[in-house]
Amino acid sequence: MVRRFRRGYGAGPLHLVALIASLLISGAAVVGWFDSFTTPDIVRILIWFLGAIVAHDLILLPIYSLLDRGALHASGHPHRRAAPAGAPADPPPGRTPGWVYVRVPALLSGLLALVFFPEALRLGNATFQAASGMTQDVYLSRLLLTCGALFVISGVAYAINAGRARGGSPVPAGDHAGGESAAGESAAGESAGDERPGAISSDSPGP
């Protein structure tokens, strides 16, 4: 039963339960959020949300996709394209390229900067202080500290991965191929020797 469900759905039942639960929680949060605003505010929020989607898909996505492709080519790890139908696929890389350890913290840092740049630049400090009694002076320093911590954690992860790769480096593919070919030639020689006319077998009785 579980195998049939996994074959039809593509994942286990727990994945579906977690997906439904996350959708229900998100829907309840959105409904509660809209209930706290008036109708004109809701219209402005929807306009901002749709504008953010269009700006991301038409402007930001092409920009950071081009930057990512350029950085991958510059680091010596070109983008792997899908193999044509019937052609053998390229073998996966032996180790995760180092650019991944720069791309992930850079992406998270960009996302944090995009969300908190009004507070970091103190664009609405007077309104923020009137509403909360606090100022926006700490946002810029905390944003920089958070982005720096992301890069430090990523650098430590890269150092650990590189150390493991150096400590237990796999045997090169050429050595495997050479060993297999030598073993194949030895086995072929033995079988040919057994088939030679007049060859004496150890199992055959003596004269």
Protein backbone atom coordinates (compact mmCIF):
# COMPACT_ATOMS: atom_id res chain seq x y z
CA MET A 1 0.00 0.00 0.00
CA VAL A 2 2.76 2.44 0.92
CA ARG A 3 4.74 1.49 -2.19
CA ARG A 4 1.71 2.13 -4.39
CA PHE A 5 1.14 5.50 -2.71
CA ARG A 6 4.81 6.45 -3.08
CA ARG A 7 4.76 5.42 -6.74
CA GLY A 8 1.69 7.53 -7.48
CA TYR A 9 2.48 10.55 -5.28
CA GLY A 10 6.27 10.59 -5.59
CA ALA A 11 7.02 10.65 -1.84
CA GLY A 12 5.94 9.07 1.41
CA PRO A 13 2.69 9.77 3.32
CA LEU A 14 4.52 11.93 5.89
CA HIS A 15 5.54 14.31 3.11
CA LEU A 16 1.89 14.81 2.13
CA VAL A 17 0.86 15.32 5.78
CA ALA A 18 3.61 17.92 6.29
CA LEU A 19 2.64 19.68 3.05
CA ILE A 20 -1.04 19.91 4.02
CA ALA A 21 -0.16 21.11 7.53
CA SER A 22 2.16 23.83 6.18
CA LEU A 23 -0.53 25.01 3.74
CA LEU A 24 -3.13 25.18 6.52
CA ILE A 25 -0.79 27.11 8.83
CA SER A 26 0.19 29.52 6.05
CA GLY A 27 -3.46 30.06 5.08
CA ALA A 28 -4.45 30.76 8.70
CA ALA A 29 -1.57 33.24 9.03
CA VAL A 30 -2.57 35.06 5.84
CA VAL A 31 -6.25 35.25 6.89
CA GLY A 32 -5.32 36.59 10.32
CA TRP A 33 -2.92 39.07 8.75
CA PHE A 34 -5.54 40.44 6.35
CA ASP A 35 -8.13 40.69 9.14
CA SER A 36 -5.91 43.24 10.89
CA PHE A 37 -5.95 45.64 7.90
CA THR A 38 -8.62 47.74 6.30
CA THR A 39 -9.73 47.27 2.70
CA PRO A 40 -7.49 50.01 1.17
CA ASP A 41 -4.47 48.56 2.98
CA ILE A 42 -5.26 45.08 1.67
CA VAL A 43 -5.46 46.42 -1.90
CA ARG A 44 -2.07 48.13 -1.52
CA ILE A 45 -0.55 44.95 -0.07
CA LEU A 46 -1.84 42.89 -2.99
CA ILE A 47 -0.46 45.42 -5.48
CA TRP A 48 2.91 45.34 -3.74
CA PHE A 49 2.88 41.53 -3.67
CA LEU A 50 2.07 41.21 -7.39
CA GLY A 51 4.67 43.88 -8.22
CA ALA A 52 7.27 41.99 -6.20
CA ILE A 53 6.49 38.79 -8.12
CA VAL A 54 6.80 40.52 -11.49
CA ALA A 55 9.98 42.35 -10.47
CA HIS A 56 11.55 39.13 -9.23
CA ASP A 57 10.67 36.97 -12.24
CA LEU A 58 11.43 39.57 -14.92
CA ILE A 59 14.34 41.50 -13.38
CA LEU A 60 16.01 39.85 -10.40
CA LEU A 61 15.88 36.22 -11.58
CA PRO A 62 17.67 36.87 -14.92
CA ILE A 63 20.28 39.04 -13.16
CA TYR A 64 21.34 36.60 -10.48
CA SER A 65 21.05 33.64 -12.87
CA LEU A 66 23.58 35.33 -15.19
CA LEU A 67 25.83 36.13 -12.23
CA ASP A 68 25.65 32.53 -11.07
CA ARG A 69 26.48 31.15 -14.52
CA GLY A 70 29.40 33.56 -14.89
CA ALA A 71 30.78 32.64 -11.48
CA LEU A 72 30.49 28.92 -12.23
CA HIS A 73 32.42 29.30 -15.50
CA ALA A 74 35.04 31.47 -13.80
CA SER A 75 35.55 28.88 -11.07
CA GLY A 76 36.14 26.08 -13.60
CA HIS A 77 32.84 24.28 -12.98
CA PRO A 78 30.64 24.93 -16.03
CA HIS A 79 26.95 24.32 -15.87
CA ARG A 80 26.06 20.70 -16.70
CA ARG A 81 23.48 20.47 -19.45
CA ALA A 82 21.04 17.64 -19.78
CA ALA A 83 22.23 14.90 -22.12
CA PRO A 84 20.21 14.35 -25.32
CA ALA A 85 17.83 11.44 -25.52
CA GLY A 86 19.75 8.20 -25.96
CA ALA A 87 23.15 9.76 -25.18
CA PRO A 88 25.05 8.75 -22.03
CA ALA A 89 24.86 11.31 -19.24
CA ASP A 90 27.98 13.03 -17.97
CA PRO A 91 29.38 11.52 -14.77
CA PRO A 92 28.65 13.53 -11.62
CA PRO A 93 31.50 15.58 -10.18
CA GLY A 94 33.67 13.77 -7.66
CA ARG A 95 33.44 16.56 -5.09
CA THR A 96 31.09 19.45 -4.46
CA PRO A 97 32.60 22.54 -6.14
CA GLY A 98 33.78 25.28 -3.82
CA TRP A 99 31.50 27.81 -5.48
CA VAL A 100 28.52 26.24 -3.71
CA TYR A 101 29.96 27.38 -0.39
CA VAL A 102 29.93 30.96 -1.68
CA ARG A 103 26.62 30.82 -3.52
CA VAL A 104 24.49 29.67 -0.57
CA PRO A 105 25.54 32.36 1.96
CA ALA A 106 25.49 34.98 -0.79
CA LEU A 107 21.91 34.02 -1.69
CA LEU A 108 20.80 34.10 1.95
CA SER A 109 22.57 37.41 2.54
CA GLY A 110 20.91 38.93 -0.52
CA LEU A 111 17.52 37.73 0.67
CA LEU A 112 18.07 39.25 4.13
CA ALA A 113 19.24 42.51 2.58
CA LEU A 114 16.19 42.60 0.31
CA VAL A 115 13.82 42.11 3.25
CA PHE A 116 15.50 44.39 5.81
CA PHE A 117 17.10 47.11 3.68
CA PRO A 118 14.48 49.77 4.73
CA GLU A 119 15.33 49.18 8.39
CA ALA A 120 19.08 48.91 7.70
CA LEU A 121 19.05 52.23 5.84
CA ARG A 122 16.71 53.81 8.42
CA LEU A 123 14.20 54.84 5.76
CA GLY A 124 11.25 54.93 8.19
CA ASN A 125 13.00 55.61 11.47
CA ALA A 126 10.54 58.25 12.70
CA THR A 127 7.48 56.10 11.98
CA PHE A 128 9.18 53.02 13.44
CA GLN A 129 10.09 54.91 16.62
CA ALA A 130 6.59 56.35 16.99
CA ALA A 131 5.00 52.92 16.60
CA SER A 132 7.42 50.83 18.70
CA GLY A 133 9.36 53.24 20.86
CA MET A 134 12.63 51.90 19.43
CA THR A 135 14.97 53.08 16.69
CA GLN A 136 16.39 51.35 13.61
CA ASP A 137 20.01 52.04 14.54
CA VAL A 138 20.84 48.40 15.26
CA TYR A 139 19.53 46.87 12.02
CA LEU A 140 22.54 47.62 9.82
CA SER A 141 25.11 46.21 12.25
CA ARG A 142 23.02 43.12 12.93
CA LEU A 143 22.48 42.55 9.22
CA LEU A 144 26.22 42.73 8.56
CA LEU A 145 26.98 40.43 11.50
CA THR A 146 24.41 37.89 10.29
CA CYS A 147 25.78 37.90 6.73
CA GLY A 148 29.34 37.57 8.04
CA ALA A 149 28.31 34.63 10.25
CA LEU A 150 26.73 32.90 7.24
CA PHE A 151 29.98 33.15 5.28
CA VAL A 152 32.04 31.97 8.26
CA ILE A 153 29.81 28.91 8.76
CA SER A 154 29.99 28.15 5.04
CA GLY A 155 33.80 28.49 5.10
CA VAL A 156 34.05 26.06 8.03
CA ALA A 157 31.82 23.58 6.16
CA TYR A 158 34.04 23.90 3.07
CA ALA A 159 37.19 23.33 5.14
CA ILE A 160 35.68 20.20 6.71
CA ASN A 161 34.60 18.86 3.31
CA ALA A 162 38.01 19.56 1.77
CA GLY A 163 39.77 17.87 4.69
CA ARG A 164 37.64 14.75 4.33
CA ALA A 165 38.28 14.67 0.58
CA ARG A 166 42.06 14.89 1.10
CA GLY A 167 42.05 12.30 3.89
CA GLY A 168 40.08 9.65 2.00
CA SER A 169 40.62 10.46 -1.65
CA PRO A 170 39.14 7.80 -3.94
CA VAL A 171 41.25 5.82 -6.35
CA PRO A 172 41.36 7.55 -9.76
CA ALA A 173 39.23 6.10 -12.50
CA GLY A 174 42.33 5.25 -14.53
CA ASP A 175 43.68 3.03 -11.77
CA HIS A 176 40.39 1.15 -11.60
CA ALA A 177 40.38 0.73 -15.36
CA GLY A 178 44.00 -0.40 -15.39
CA GLY A 179 43.41 -2.95 -12.65
CA GLU A 180 40.33 -4.31 -14.34
CA SER A 181 42.07 -4.55 -17.72
CA ALA A 182 45.08 -6.30 -16.16
CA ALA A 183 42.82 -8.75 -14.37
CA GLY A 184 40.92 -9.37 -17.59
CA GLU A 185 44.13 -10.01 -19.56
CA SER A 186 45.36 -12.42 -16.87
CA ALA A 187 42.10 -14.33 -16.89
CA ALA A 188 42.10 -14.46 -20.68
CA GLY A 189 45.67 -15.77 -20.69
CA GLU A 190 44.81 -18.52 -18.23
CA SER A 191 41.76 -19.61 -20.21
CA ALA A 192 43.81 -19.60 -23.42
CA GLY A 193 46.51 -21.69 -21.76
CA ASP A 194 43.95 -24.27 -20.67
CA GLU A 195 42.64 -24.54 -24.22
CA ARG A 196 46.06 -25.05 -25.88
CA PRO A 197 46.52 -28.54 -27.40
CA GLY A 198 48.60 -30.77 -25.19
CA ALA A 199 48.27 -28.57 -22.13
CA ILE A 200 48.55 -30.60 -18.95
CA SER A 201 45.83 -30.00 -16.43
CA SER A 202 46.45 -30.43 -12.74
CA ASP A 203 43.23 -32.44 -12.50
CA SER A 204 44.19 -34.93 -15.23
CA PRO A 205 45.72 -38.26 -14.11
CA GLY A 206 49.42 -38.79 -14.69
CA PRO A 207 50.86 -41.29 -17.20
